[in-house]
Amino acid sequence: MTDTRRTFNKATFLAATTLMFSMAGASALAATADDLGKDAEQALQTLYKTRPVAETMSKSAKAILVFPKIVKAGLVFGGSYGEGVLLKGSQVAEYYNSVSASWGWQAGAESYAYVVFLMSDKAVSYLAESKGWEFGVGPSLVVVNEGVAKNLSTSTLKGDAYAFISDQQGLMASLSVEGTKISRIKR
């Protein structure tokens, strides 16, 4: 990779990160551990009401990552940020953040929740041992939409992790290349 390209990539990431933090506002960054736990439980219950297959999956999941509020914004360069919890059983085991940077055709801002059901010991171990899980690297991840949800049952669950996106608010028009990274944080 040339120095010019590296410089461009760093500038792109910096611009996206700056935009994301300015749009996210202080409230998204100031959540306490108790707030995160309560918000995660509420997001999970909302998901279970709207997507019953998620509650069925929770019974066999090894752990569940819950990000109750991700804020995403962009205008050519963009990014997203949110904090969440890792549940083992009904207990909060760890705290995580979810960060992404993107570039491409995009405009707007939105917020949403997402929940990742870790179905295998491999997925839980990878999350615990890695310095951050980049979606697309490591355990397989299936994003569950309405079509996928209709065909899921306990006998068809073969993936390491399943993600549900819910509670979308705002308007974001995008066609972009992006990666999400989940990293452990201290609370």
C-alpha atoms as a PDB file:
ATOM      1  CA  MET A   1       0.000   0.000   0.000  1.00  0.00           C
ATOM      2  CA  THR A   2       1.431   3.361  -0.946  1.00  0.00           C
ATOM      3  CA  ASP A   3       2.020   6.131   1.572  1.00  0.00           C
ATOM      4  CA  THR A   4      -0.548   8.300  -0.202  1.00  0.00           C
ATOM      5  CA  ARG A   5      -3.198   5.596   0.096  1.00  0.00           C
ATOM      6  CA  ARG A   6      -2.358   5.011   3.789  1.00  0.00           C
ATOM      7  CA  THR A   7      -2.630   8.737   4.457  1.00  0.00           C
ATOM      8  CA  PHE A   8      -5.950   8.871   2.618  1.00  0.00           C
ATOM      9  CA  ASN A   9      -7.284   5.879   4.610  1.00  0.00           C
ATOM     10  CA  LYS A  10      -6.229   7.460   7.906  1.00  0.00           C
ATOM     11  CA  ALA A  11      -7.803  10.784   6.938  1.00  0.00           C
ATOM     12  CA  THR A  12     -10.991   8.987   5.911  1.00  0.00           C
ATOM     13  CA  PHE A  13     -11.170   7.141   9.216  1.00  0.00           C
ATOM     14  CA  LEU A  14     -10.460  10.318  11.189  1.00  0.00           C
ATOM     15  CA  ALA A  15     -13.153  12.271   9.320  1.00  0.00           C
ATOM     16  CA  ALA A  16     -15.698   9.480   9.791  1.00  0.00           C
ATOM     17  CA  THR A  17     -14.885   9.126  13.474  1.00  0.00           C
ATOM     18  CA  THR A  18     -15.118  12.881  14.073  1.00  0.00           C
ATOM     19  CA  LEU A  19     -18.468  13.038  12.284  1.00  0.00           C
ATOM     20  CA  MET A  20     -19.769  10.031  14.170  1.00  0.00           C
ATOM     21  CA  PHE A  21     -18.856  11.383  17.603  1.00  0.00           C
ATOM     22  CA  SER A  22     -20.228  14.814  16.836  1.00  0.00           C
ATOM     23  CA  MET A  23     -23.536  13.289  15.717  1.00  0.00           C
ATOM     24  CA  ALA A  24     -23.734  10.745  18.521  1.00  0.00           C
ATOM     25  CA  GLY A  25     -23.739  13.413  21.196  1.00  0.00           C
ATOM     26  CA  ALA A  26     -22.621  13.143  24.766  1.00  0.00           C
ATOM     27  CA  SER A  27     -25.585  11.030  25.919  1.00  0.00           C
ATOM     28  CA  ALA A  28     -24.520   7.989  23.914  1.00  0.00           C
ATOM     29  CA  LEU A  29     -21.048   8.142  25.445  1.00  0.00           C
ATOM     30  CA  ALA A  30     -22.121   8.786  29.029  1.00  0.00           C
ATOM     31  CA  ALA A  31     -24.195   5.672  29.766  1.00  0.00           C
ATOM     32  CA  THR A  32     -23.468   4.085  33.144  1.00  0.00           C
ATOM     33  CA  ALA A  33     -23.116   0.353  33.632  1.00  0.00           C
ATOM     34  CA  ASP A  34     -26.598   0.231  35.214  1.00  0.00           C
ATOM     35  CA  ASP A  35     -28.090   2.227  32.329  1.00  0.00           C
ATOM     36  CA  LEU A  36     -26.514  -0.104  29.779  1.00  0.00           C
ATOM     37  CA  GLY A  37     -27.844  -3.164  31.577  1.00  0.00           C
ATOM     38  CA  LYS A  38     -31.384  -1.760  31.789  1.00  0.00           C
ATOM     39  CA  ASP A  39     -31.369  -0.514  28.196  1.00  0.00           C
ATOM     40  CA  ALA A  40     -30.053  -3.871  26.978  1.00  0.00           C
ATOM     41  CA  GLU A  41     -32.794  -5.764  28.810  1.00  0.00           C
ATOM     42  CA  GLN A  42     -35.444  -3.467  27.340  1.00  0.00           C
ATOM     43  CA  ALA A  43     -34.002  -3.845  23.813  1.00  0.00           C
ATOM     44  CA  LEU A  44     -33.961  -7.628  24.210  1.00  0.00           C
ATOM     45  CA  GLN A  45     -37.583  -7.749  25.397  1.00  0.00           C
ATOM     46  CA  THR A  46     -38.651  -5.508  22.496  1.00  0.00           C
ATOM     47  CA  LEU A  47     -36.852  -7.827  20.057  1.00  0.00           C
ATOM     48  CA  TYR A  48     -38.536 -10.898  21.565  1.00  0.00           C
ATOM     49  CA  LYS A  49     -41.979  -9.306  21.111  1.00  0.00           C
ATOM     50  CA  THR A  50     -41.383  -8.409  17.469  1.00  0.00           C
ATOM     51  CA  ARG A  51     -39.303 -11.453  16.454  1.00  0.00           C
ATOM     52  CA  PRO A  52     -40.338 -14.533  18.481  1.00  0.00           C
ATOM     53  CA  VAL A  53     -37.628 -16.660  16.827  1.00  0.00           C
ATOM     54  CA  ALA A  54     -35.059 -14.528  18.706  1.00  0.00           C
ATOM     55  CA  GLU A  55     -36.457 -15.633  22.060  1.00  0.00           C
ATOM     56  CA  THR A  56     -36.303 -19.247  20.934  1.00  0.00           C
ATOM     57  CA  MET A  57     -32.658 -18.763  19.920  1.00  0.00           C
ATOM     58  CA  SER A  58     -31.831 -17.186  23.279  1.00  0.00           C
ATOM     59  CA  LYS A  59     -32.568 -20.464  25.026  1.00  0.00           C
ATOM     60  CA  SER A  60     -29.710 -22.234  23.236  1.00  0.00           C
ATOM     61  CA  ALA A  61     -27.304 -19.289  22.886  1.00  0.00           C
ATOM     62  CA  LYS A  62     -24.011 -19.511  24.774  1.00  0.00           C
ATOM     63  CA  ALA A  63     -24.029 -15.700  25.216  1.00  0.00           C
ATOM     64  CA  ILE A  64     -25.878 -12.668  23.834  1.00  0.00           C
ATOM     65  CA  LEU A  65     -24.368  -9.321  22.819  1.00  0.00           C
ATOM     66  CA  VAL A  66     -26.918  -6.512  23.113  1.00  0.00           C
ATOM     67  CA  PHE A  67     -26.310  -3.026  21.728  1.00  0.00           C
ATOM     68  CA  PRO A  68     -29.457  -1.088  22.694  1.00  0.00           C
ATOM     69  CA  LYS A  69     -28.590   2.089  20.791  1.00  0.00           C
ATOM     70  CA  ILE A  70     -26.208   2.525  17.894  1.00  0.00           C
ATOM     71  CA  VAL A  71     -26.056   6.004  16.372  1.00  0.00           C
ATOM     72  CA  LYS A  72     -25.028   6.156  12.720  1.00  0.00           C
ATOM     73  CA  ALA A  73     -24.448   9.304  10.658  1.00  0.00           C
ATOM     74  CA  GLY A  74     -22.797  10.089   7.387  1.00  0.00           C
ATOM     75  CA  LEU A  75     -22.401  12.355   4.429  1.00  0.00           C
ATOM     76  CA  VAL A  76     -20.000  10.546   2.065  1.00  0.00           C
ATOM     77  CA  PHE A  77     -17.877   9.696   5.137  1.00  0.00           C
ATOM     78  CA  GLY A  78     -19.719   8.251   8.077  1.00  0.00           C
ATOM     79  CA  GLY A  79     -19.557   6.179  11.147  1.00  0.00           C
ATOM     80  CA  SER A  80     -21.488   4.589  13.950  1.00  0.00           C
ATOM     81  CA  TYR A  81     -20.981   4.091  17.663  1.00  0.00           C
ATOM     82  CA  GLY A  82     -22.790   2.429  20.505  1.00  0.00           C
ATOM     83  CA  GLU A  83     -22.165   0.593  23.743  1.00  0.00           C
ATOM     84  CA  GLY A  84     -23.639  -2.662  24.928  1.00  0.00           C
ATOM     85  CA  VAL A  85     -23.367  -5.692  27.140  1.00  0.00           C
ATOM     86  CA  LEU A  86     -22.500  -9.357  26.872  1.00  0.00           C
ATOM     87  CA  LEU A  87     -25.070 -11.456  28.686  1.00  0.00           C
ATOM     88  CA  LYS A  88     -24.297 -14.942  29.923  1.00  0.00           C
ATOM     89  CA  GLY A  89     -27.549 -16.324  31.190  1.00  0.00           C
ATOM     90  CA  SER A  90     -29.367 -13.298  32.557  1.00  0.00           C
ATOM     91  CA  GLN A  91     -26.214 -11.696  33.990  1.00  0.00           C
ATOM     92  CA  VAL A  92     -24.056  -8.969  32.455  1.00  0.00           C
ATOM     93  CA  ALA A  93     -20.601 -10.509  31.987  1.00  0.00           C
ATOM     94  CA  GLU A  94     -18.751  -7.773  30.055  1.00  0.00           C
ATOM     95  CA  TYR A  95     -19.227  -4.399  28.386  1.00  0.00           C
ATOM     96  CA  TYR A  96     -18.474  -3.727  24.719  1.00  0.00           C
ATOM     97  CA  ASN A  97     -18.590  -0.978  22.146  1.00  0.00           C
ATOM     98  CA  SER A  98     -19.477  -1.216  18.479  1.00  0.00           C
ATOM     99  CA  VAL A  99     -17.695   1.108  16.062  1.00  0.00           C
ATOM    100  CA  SER A 100     -17.789   1.375  12.308  1.00  0.00           C
ATOM    101  CA  ALA A 101     -16.444   3.775   9.731  1.00  0.00           C
ATOM    102  CA  SER A 102     -17.762   3.949   6.215  1.00  0.00           C
ATOM    103  CA  TRP A 103     -17.284   5.760   2.994  1.00  0.00           C
ATOM    104  CA  GLY A 104     -19.267   5.820  -0.194  1.00  0.00           C
ATOM    105  CA  TRP A 105     -22.650   7.092  -1.244  1.00  0.00           C
ATOM    106  CA  GLN A 106     -24.487   7.869   2.002  1.00  0.00           C
ATOM    107  CA  ALA A 107     -26.393  10.679   3.642  1.00  0.00           C
ATOM    108  CA  GLY A 108     -28.403  11.010   6.847  1.00  0.00           C
ATOM    109  CA  ALA A 109     -28.523   9.800  10.406  1.00  0.00           C
ATOM    110  CA  GLU A 110     -30.280   6.972  12.216  1.00  0.00           C
ATOM    111  CA  SER A 111     -30.243   5.002  15.407  1.00  0.00           C
ATOM    112  CA  TYR A 112     -30.960   1.328  15.883  1.00  0.00           C
ATOM    113  CA  ALA A 113     -30.417  -1.580  18.232  1.00  0.00           C
ATOM    114  CA  TYR A 114     -28.756  -4.837  17.409  1.00  0.00           C
ATOM    115  CA  VAL A 115     -28.470  -8.132  19.184  1.00  0.00           C
ATOM    116  CA  VAL A 116     -25.972 -10.899  18.371  1.00  0.00           C
ATOM    117  CA  PHE A 117     -26.716 -14.417  19.598  1.00  0.00           C
ATOM    118  CA  LEU A 118     -23.449 -16.320  20.067  1.00  0.00           C
ATOM    119  CA  MET A 119     -24.438 -19.916  19.436  1.00  0.00           C
ATOM    120  CA  SER A 120     -21.091 -21.688  19.775  1.00  0.00           C
ATOM    121  CA  ASP A 121     -18.257 -21.868  22.263  1.00  0.00           C
ATOM    122  CA  LYS A 122     -16.006 -20.888  19.335  1.00  0.00           C
ATOM    123  CA  ALA A 123     -17.800 -17.539  18.951  1.00  0.00           C
ATOM    124  CA  VAL A 124     -17.715 -16.790  22.692  1.00  0.00           C
ATOM    125  CA  SER A 125     -14.017 -17.719  22.915  1.00  0.00           C
ATOM    126  CA  TYR A 126     -13.146 -15.620  19.872  1.00  0.00           C
ATOM    127  CA  LEU A 127     -14.874 -12.581  21.368  1.00  0.00           C
ATOM    128  CA  ALA A 128     -13.093 -13.074  24.718  1.00  0.00           C
ATOM    129  CA  GLU A 129      -9.631 -13.722  23.256  1.00  0.00           C
ATOM    130  CA  SER A 130      -9.514 -11.287  20.347  1.00  0.00           C
ATOM    131  CA  LYS A 131      -8.608  -7.626  20.673  1.00  0.00           C
ATOM    132  CA  GLY A 132     -11.869  -6.895  18.886  1.00  0.00           C
ATOM    133  CA  TRP A 133     -14.203  -8.789  16.605  1.00  0.00           C
ATOM    134  CA  GLU A 134     -14.478  -7.387  13.114  1.00  0.00           C
ATOM    135  CA  PHE A 135     -17.591  -8.682  11.388  1.00  0.00           C
ATOM    136  CA  GLY A 136     -16.464 -10.709   8.405  1.00  0.00           C
ATOM    137  CA  VAL A 137     -13.380 -12.000  10.248  1.00  0.00           C
ATOM    138  CA  GLY A 138     -13.534 -14.865  12.727  1.00  0.00           C
ATOM    139  CA  PRO A 139     -16.733 -16.792  13.504  1.00  0.00           C
ATOM    140  CA  SER A 140     -19.451 -16.826  10.868  1.00  0.00           C
ATOM    141  CA  LEU A 141     -22.198 -14.230  11.321  1.00  0.00           C
ATOM    142  CA  VAL A 142     -25.682 -14.434   9.824  1.00  0.00           C
ATOM    143  CA  VAL A 143     -27.740 -11.236   9.753  1.00  0.00           C
ATOM    144  CA  VAL A 144     -31.334 -12.326  10.305  1.00  0.00           C
ATOM    145  CA  ASN A 145     -33.933 -10.571   8.163  1.00  0.00           C
ATOM    146  CA  GLU A 146     -37.597 -11.518   7.764  1.00  0.00           C
ATOM    147  CA  GLY A 147     -36.833 -14.165   5.121  1.00  0.00           C
ATOM    148  CA  VAL A 148     -34.101 -15.847   7.143  1.00  0.00           C
ATOM    149  CA  ALA A 149     -36.204 -15.710  10.330  1.00  0.00           C
ATOM    150  CA  LYS A 150     -39.047 -17.680   8.732  1.00  0.00           C
ATOM    151  CA  ASN A 151     -36.688 -20.582   8.026  1.00  0.00           C
ATOM    152  CA  LEU A 152     -34.866 -20.681  11.378  1.00  0.00           C
ATOM    153  CA  SER A 153     -35.476 -23.419  13.876  1.00  0.00           C
ATOM    154  CA  THR A 154     -33.337 -25.129  16.483  1.00  0.00           C
ATOM    155  CA  SER A 155     -32.447 -27.804  13.923  1.00  0.00           C
ATOM    156  CA  THR A 156     -31.365 -25.302  11.236  1.00  0.00           C
ATOM    157  CA  LEU A 157     -29.097 -23.178  13.453  1.00  0.00           C
ATOM    158  CA  LYS A 158     -25.662 -23.993  12.064  1.00  0.00           C
ATOM    159  CA  GLY A 159     -23.907 -20.609  12.288  1.00  0.00           C
ATOM    160  CA  ASP A 160     -21.685 -19.350  15.087  1.00  0.00           C
ATOM    161  CA  ALA A 161     -23.568 -16.068  15.522  1.00  0.00           C
ATOM    162  CA  TYR A 162     -26.883 -14.543  14.447  1.00  0.00           C
ATOM    163  CA  ALA A 163     -27.559 -10.791  14.442  1.00  0.00           C
ATOM    164  CA  PHE A 164     -30.946  -9.065  14.598  1.00  0.00           C
ATOM    165  CA  ILE A 165     -31.291  -5.350  13.853  1.00  0.00           C
ATOM    166  CA  SER A 166     -34.297  -3.596  15.338  1.00  0.00           C
ATOM    167  CA  ASP A 167     -35.781  -0.305  16.516  1.00  0.00           C
ATOM    168  CA  GLN A 168     -34.537   1.687  13.521  1.00  0.00           C
ATOM    169  CA  GLN A 169     -35.261   5.414  13.757  1.00  0.00           C
ATOM    170  CA  GLY A 170     -34.217   8.211  11.451  1.00  0.00           C
ATOM    171  CA  LEU A 171     -33.330   8.199   7.795  1.00  0.00           C
ATOM    172  CA  MET A 172     -30.091   6.995   6.315  1.00  0.00           C
ATOM    173  CA  ALA A 173     -29.667   6.473   2.604  1.00  0.00           C
ATOM    174  CA  SER A 174     -26.482   4.566   1.986  1.00  0.00           C
ATOM    175  CA  LEU A 175     -24.615   2.339  -0.349  1.00  0.00           C
ATOM    176  CA  SER A 176     -21.271   1.965   1.348  1.00  0.00           C
ATOM    177  CA  VAL A 177     -18.377  -0.277   2.252  1.00  0.00           C
ATOM    178  CA  GLU A 178     -18.112  -0.608   6.006  1.00  0.00           C
ATOM    179  CA  GLY A 179     -16.886  -2.854   8.748  1.00  0.00           C
ATOM    180  CA  THR A 180     -18.081  -3.091  12.306  1.00  0.00           C
ATOM    181  CA  LYS A 181     -15.659  -3.809  15.121  1.00  0.00           C
ATOM    182  CA  ILE A 182     -16.755  -4.883  18.586  1.00  0.00           C
ATOM    183  CA  SER A 183     -14.271  -4.298  21.418  1.00  0.00           C
ATOM    184  CA  ARG A 184     -14.349  -4.821  25.179  1.00  0.00           C
ATOM    185  CA  ILE A 185     -14.581  -1.685  27.331  1.00  0.00           C
ATOM    186  CA  LYS A 186     -14.341  -1.094  31.065  1.00  0.00           C
ATOM    187  CA  ARG A 187     -17.338   0.092  33.078  1.00  0.00           C
END
